[in-house]
Structures are given as structure tokens and as C-alpha cells.
Amino acid sequence: MEGLSVGHLLVVAVVALVLFGRGKVSSLMGEVGKGITAFKKGINDGAKEIADEGTASAARDVTPEAEKAKA
């Protein structure tokens, strides 16, 4: 067995269309596309945020000013 060929994928696509109908498969693929787009946007935003900070491991002091004054 060599893996999936074009014929195998075509059979799977036809079975999916028969089971779920054209509308359901179309809406499902639309949702998958939106998910992939959102994932890529999140990855790019995270990389940009890391690049803006310099290094991801840089520690920042987030102690409130009132707490700093007590010390």
C-alpha cells in the first residue's frame, strides 16, 4: 500500500458528499478555512509581539506602585 492517491481522495470526497450533502460540506470547509486563517493570524501576532519585546524571556517588573513604595 503506497498511501492515498487521487482516486482514494476522490472516493472519500464522494462518500462525504453523499453522507452530509453539498451544503453541509461547503459550510464545514468554510469554517475550516476561517479557523486556519485565525490560527495564522495568531501565530503572526505572537511572533510580532515577541520581536517587539526583544526576547521572550525578558522579565518585567509588574509590581504596583503602592507595593514598591512600601518596600
N, C-alpha and C. Protein backbone atom coordinates (compact mmCIF):
# COMPACT_ATOMS: atom_id res chain seq x y z
N MET A 1 0.84 -1.17 0.00
CA MET A 1 0.00 0.00 0.00
C MET A 1 0.89 1.24 0.00
N GLU A 2 0.72 2.10 -0.96
CA GLU A 2 1.59 3.25 -1.14
C GLU A 2 1.08 4.51 -0.46
N GLY A 3 -0.13 4.55 -0.01
CA GLY A 3 -0.69 5.74 0.59
C GLY A 3 -1.93 6.18 -0.17
N LEU A 4 -2.31 7.42 0.03
CA LEU A 4 -3.51 7.94 -0.62
C LEU A 4 -3.17 8.47 -2.01
N SER A 5 -3.94 8.02 -2.97
CA SER A 5 -3.79 8.52 -4.34
C SER A 5 -4.97 9.44 -4.65
N VAL A 6 -4.96 10.01 -5.82
CA VAL A 6 -6.04 10.89 -6.24
C VAL A 6 -7.36 10.12 -6.27
N GLY A 7 -7.32 8.89 -6.70
CA GLY A 7 -8.53 8.06 -6.73
C GLY A 7 -9.12 7.84 -5.35
N HIS A 8 -8.26 7.56 -4.37
CA HIS A 8 -8.73 7.38 -2.99
C HIS A 8 -9.39 8.65 -2.47
N LEU A 9 -8.74 9.79 -2.69
CA LEU A 9 -9.29 11.06 -2.23
C LEU A 9 -10.62 11.38 -2.90
N LEU A 10 -10.75 11.04 -4.17
CA LEU A 10 -11.99 11.26 -4.89
C LEU A 10 -13.12 10.43 -4.30
N VAL A 11 -12.84 9.17 -3.98
CA VAL A 11 -13.85 8.30 -3.38
C VAL A 11 -14.28 8.85 -2.01
N VAL A 12 -13.32 9.29 -1.22
CA VAL A 12 -13.65 9.86 0.09
C VAL A 12 -14.51 11.10 -0.07
N ALA A 13 -14.20 11.96 -1.03
CA ALA A 13 -14.98 13.18 -1.27
C ALA A 13 -16.41 12.84 -1.69
N VAL A 14 -16.59 11.85 -2.55
CA VAL A 14 -17.92 11.46 -3.00
C VAL A 14 -18.73 10.89 -1.83
N VAL A 15 -18.10 10.07 -1.00
CA VAL A 15 -18.79 9.50 0.16
C VAL A 15 -19.20 10.62 1.12
N ALA A 16 -18.33 11.60 1.34
CA ALA A 16 -18.65 12.72 2.23
C ALA A 16 -19.83 13.51 1.67
N LEU A 17 -19.86 13.74 0.37
CA LEU A 17 -20.97 14.46 -0.23
C LEU A 17 -22.28 13.69 -0.09
N VAL A 18 -22.23 12.39 -0.26
CA VAL A 18 -23.43 11.58 -0.15
C VAL A 18 -23.94 11.57 1.29
N LEU A 19 -23.04 11.45 2.26
CA LEU A 19 -23.44 11.38 3.66
C LEU A 19 -23.93 12.72 4.21
N PHE A 20 -23.25 13.80 3.90
CA PHE A 20 -23.54 15.07 4.53
C PHE A 20 -24.27 16.06 3.63
N GLY A 21 -24.25 15.85 2.35
CA GLY A 21 -24.88 16.79 1.43
C GLY A 21 -23.95 17.94 1.08
N ARG A 22 -24.25 18.58 -0.03
CA ARG A 22 -23.37 19.62 -0.54
C ARG A 22 -23.30 20.83 0.39
N GLY A 23 -24.42 21.25 0.93
CA GLY A 23 -24.45 22.44 1.79
C GLY A 23 -23.66 22.26 3.07
N LYS A 24 -23.79 21.10 3.70
CA LYS A 24 -23.10 20.84 4.96
C LYS A 24 -21.59 20.79 4.75
N VAL A 25 -21.13 20.13 3.70
CA VAL A 25 -19.70 20.04 3.41
C VAL A 25 -19.15 21.42 3.08
N SER A 26 -19.91 22.20 2.33
CA SER A 26 -19.47 23.54 1.96
C SER A 26 -19.32 24.42 3.19
N SER A 27 -20.28 24.40 4.09
CA SER A 27 -20.18 25.23 5.29
C SER A 27 -19.06 24.74 6.21
N LEU A 28 -18.85 23.43 6.26
CA LEU A 28 -17.77 22.88 7.07
C LEU A 28 -16.42 23.33 6.55
N MET A 29 -16.24 23.32 5.24
CA MET A 29 -14.97 23.77 4.65
C MET A 29 -14.77 25.26 4.88
N GLY A 30 -15.84 26.03 4.87
CA GLY A 30 -15.74 27.45 5.17
C GLY A 30 -15.26 27.69 6.59
N GLU A 31 -15.79 26.92 7.53
CA GLU A 31 -15.37 27.04 8.93
C GLU A 31 -13.92 26.62 9.11
N VAL A 32 -13.50 25.58 8.40
CA VAL A 32 -12.10 25.14 8.47
C VAL A 32 -11.19 26.25 7.93
N GLY A 33 -11.58 26.87 6.85
CA GLY A 33 -10.80 27.97 6.29
C GLY A 33 -10.69 29.14 7.25
N LYS A 34 -11.78 29.49 7.93
CA LYS A 34 -11.75 30.58 8.92
C LYS A 34 -10.83 30.22 10.08
N GLY A 35 -10.87 28.97 10.49
CA GLY A 35 -10.01 28.53 11.59
C GLY A 35 -8.54 28.61 11.22
N ILE A 36 -8.21 28.19 10.03
CA ILE A 36 -6.81 28.25 9.57
C ILE A 36 -6.35 29.70 9.49
N THR A 37 -7.21 30.58 8.97
CA THR A 37 -6.87 32.00 8.87
C THR A 37 -6.64 32.60 10.26
N ALA A 38 -7.51 32.28 11.21
CA ALA A 38 -7.36 32.79 12.58
C ALA A 38 -6.08 32.25 13.22
N PHE A 39 -5.76 31.00 12.98
CA PHE A 39 -4.54 30.41 13.52
C PHE A 39 -3.31 31.11 12.98
N LYS A 40 -3.26 31.33 11.67
CA LYS A 40 -2.12 32.01 11.06
C LYS A 40 -1.98 33.43 11.60
N LYS A 41 -3.11 34.12 11.78
CA LYS A 41 -3.08 35.49 12.31
C LYS A 41 -2.54 35.48 13.73
N GLY A 42 -2.95 34.52 14.53
CA GLY A 42 -2.45 34.41 15.90
C GLY A 42 -0.95 34.15 15.95
N ILE A 43 -0.47 33.29 15.07
CA ILE A 43 0.96 33.00 15.01
C ILE A 43 1.73 34.25 14.63
N ASN A 44 1.26 34.98 13.62
CA ASN A 44 1.94 36.20 13.19
C ASN A 44 1.92 37.27 14.27
N ASP A 45 0.79 37.43 14.96
CA ASP A 45 0.70 38.41 16.04
C ASP A 45 1.64 38.05 17.18
N GLY A 46 1.72 36.78 17.52
CA GLY A 46 2.62 36.34 18.58
C GLY A 46 4.08 36.57 18.22
N ALA A 47 4.44 36.28 16.98
CA ALA A 47 5.82 36.50 16.54
C ALA A 47 6.16 37.98 16.55
N LYS A 48 5.20 38.81 16.14
CA LYS A 48 5.42 40.25 16.14
C LYS A 48 5.60 40.77 17.56
N GLU A 49 4.78 40.26 18.49
CA GLU A 49 4.87 40.68 19.88
C GLU A 49 6.21 40.29 20.49
N ILE A 50 6.68 39.11 20.18
CA ILE A 50 7.98 38.66 20.69
C ILE A 50 9.10 39.52 20.11
N ALA A 51 9.01 39.82 18.82
CA ALA A 51 10.04 40.65 18.19
C ALA A 51 10.05 42.06 18.77
N ASP A 52 8.87 42.59 19.11
CA ASP A 52 8.79 43.93 19.68
C ASP A 52 9.40 43.98 21.08
N GLU A 53 9.28 42.91 21.84
CA GLU A 53 9.82 42.87 23.19
C GLU A 53 11.31 42.61 23.22
N GLY A 54 11.88 42.16 22.16
CA GLY A 54 13.30 41.84 22.12
C GLY A 54 13.52 40.36 22.34
N THR A 55 13.23 39.89 23.54
CA THR A 55 13.33 38.46 23.83
C THR A 55 12.09 38.04 24.60
N ALA A 56 11.71 36.83 24.42
CA ALA A 56 10.51 36.33 25.09
C ALA A 56 10.75 36.10 26.58
N SER A 57 12.01 35.91 26.97
CA SER A 57 12.29 35.60 28.36
C SER A 57 12.63 36.83 29.19
N ALA A 58 12.54 38.01 28.62
CA ALA A 58 12.85 39.23 29.37
C ALA A 58 11.79 39.43 30.46
N ALA A 59 12.24 39.59 31.71
CA ALA A 59 11.32 39.76 32.83
C ALA A 59 10.98 41.23 32.99
N ARG A 60 9.73 41.50 33.30
CA ARG A 60 9.29 42.87 33.55
C ARG A 60 8.79 42.96 34.97
N ASP A 61 9.02 44.11 35.61
CA ASP A 61 8.54 44.35 36.96
C ASP A 61 7.10 44.84 36.86
N VAL A 62 6.17 44.04 37.33
CA VAL A 62 4.75 44.40 37.26
C VAL A 62 4.19 44.70 38.64
N THR A 63 5.07 44.99 39.59
CA THR A 63 4.64 45.30 40.94
C THR A 63 3.92 46.65 40.94
N PRO A 64 2.75 46.75 41.56
CA PRO A 64 2.04 48.03 41.64
C PRO A 64 2.88 49.08 42.37
N GLU A 65 2.69 50.34 42.02
CA GLU A 65 3.47 51.43 42.61
C GLU A 65 3.30 51.50 44.12
N ALA A 66 2.10 51.20 44.63
CA ALA A 66 1.87 51.22 46.07
C ALA A 66 2.72 50.19 46.78
N GLU A 67 2.90 49.03 46.18
CA GLU A 67 3.73 47.98 46.77
C GLU A 67 5.20 48.37 46.72
N LYS A 68 5.61 49.04 45.67
CA LYS A 68 7.01 49.46 45.55
C LYS A 68 7.35 50.49 46.62
N ALA A 69 6.39 51.38 46.91
CA ALA A 69 6.62 52.43 47.90
C ALA A 69 6.79 51.83 49.30
N LYS A 70 6.12 50.73 49.61
CA LYS A 70 6.20 50.08 50.92
C LYS A 70 7.57 49.46 51.15
N ALA A 71 8.18 48.99 50.09
CA ALA A 71 9.45 48.27 50.22
C ALA A 71 10.64 49.13 50.46
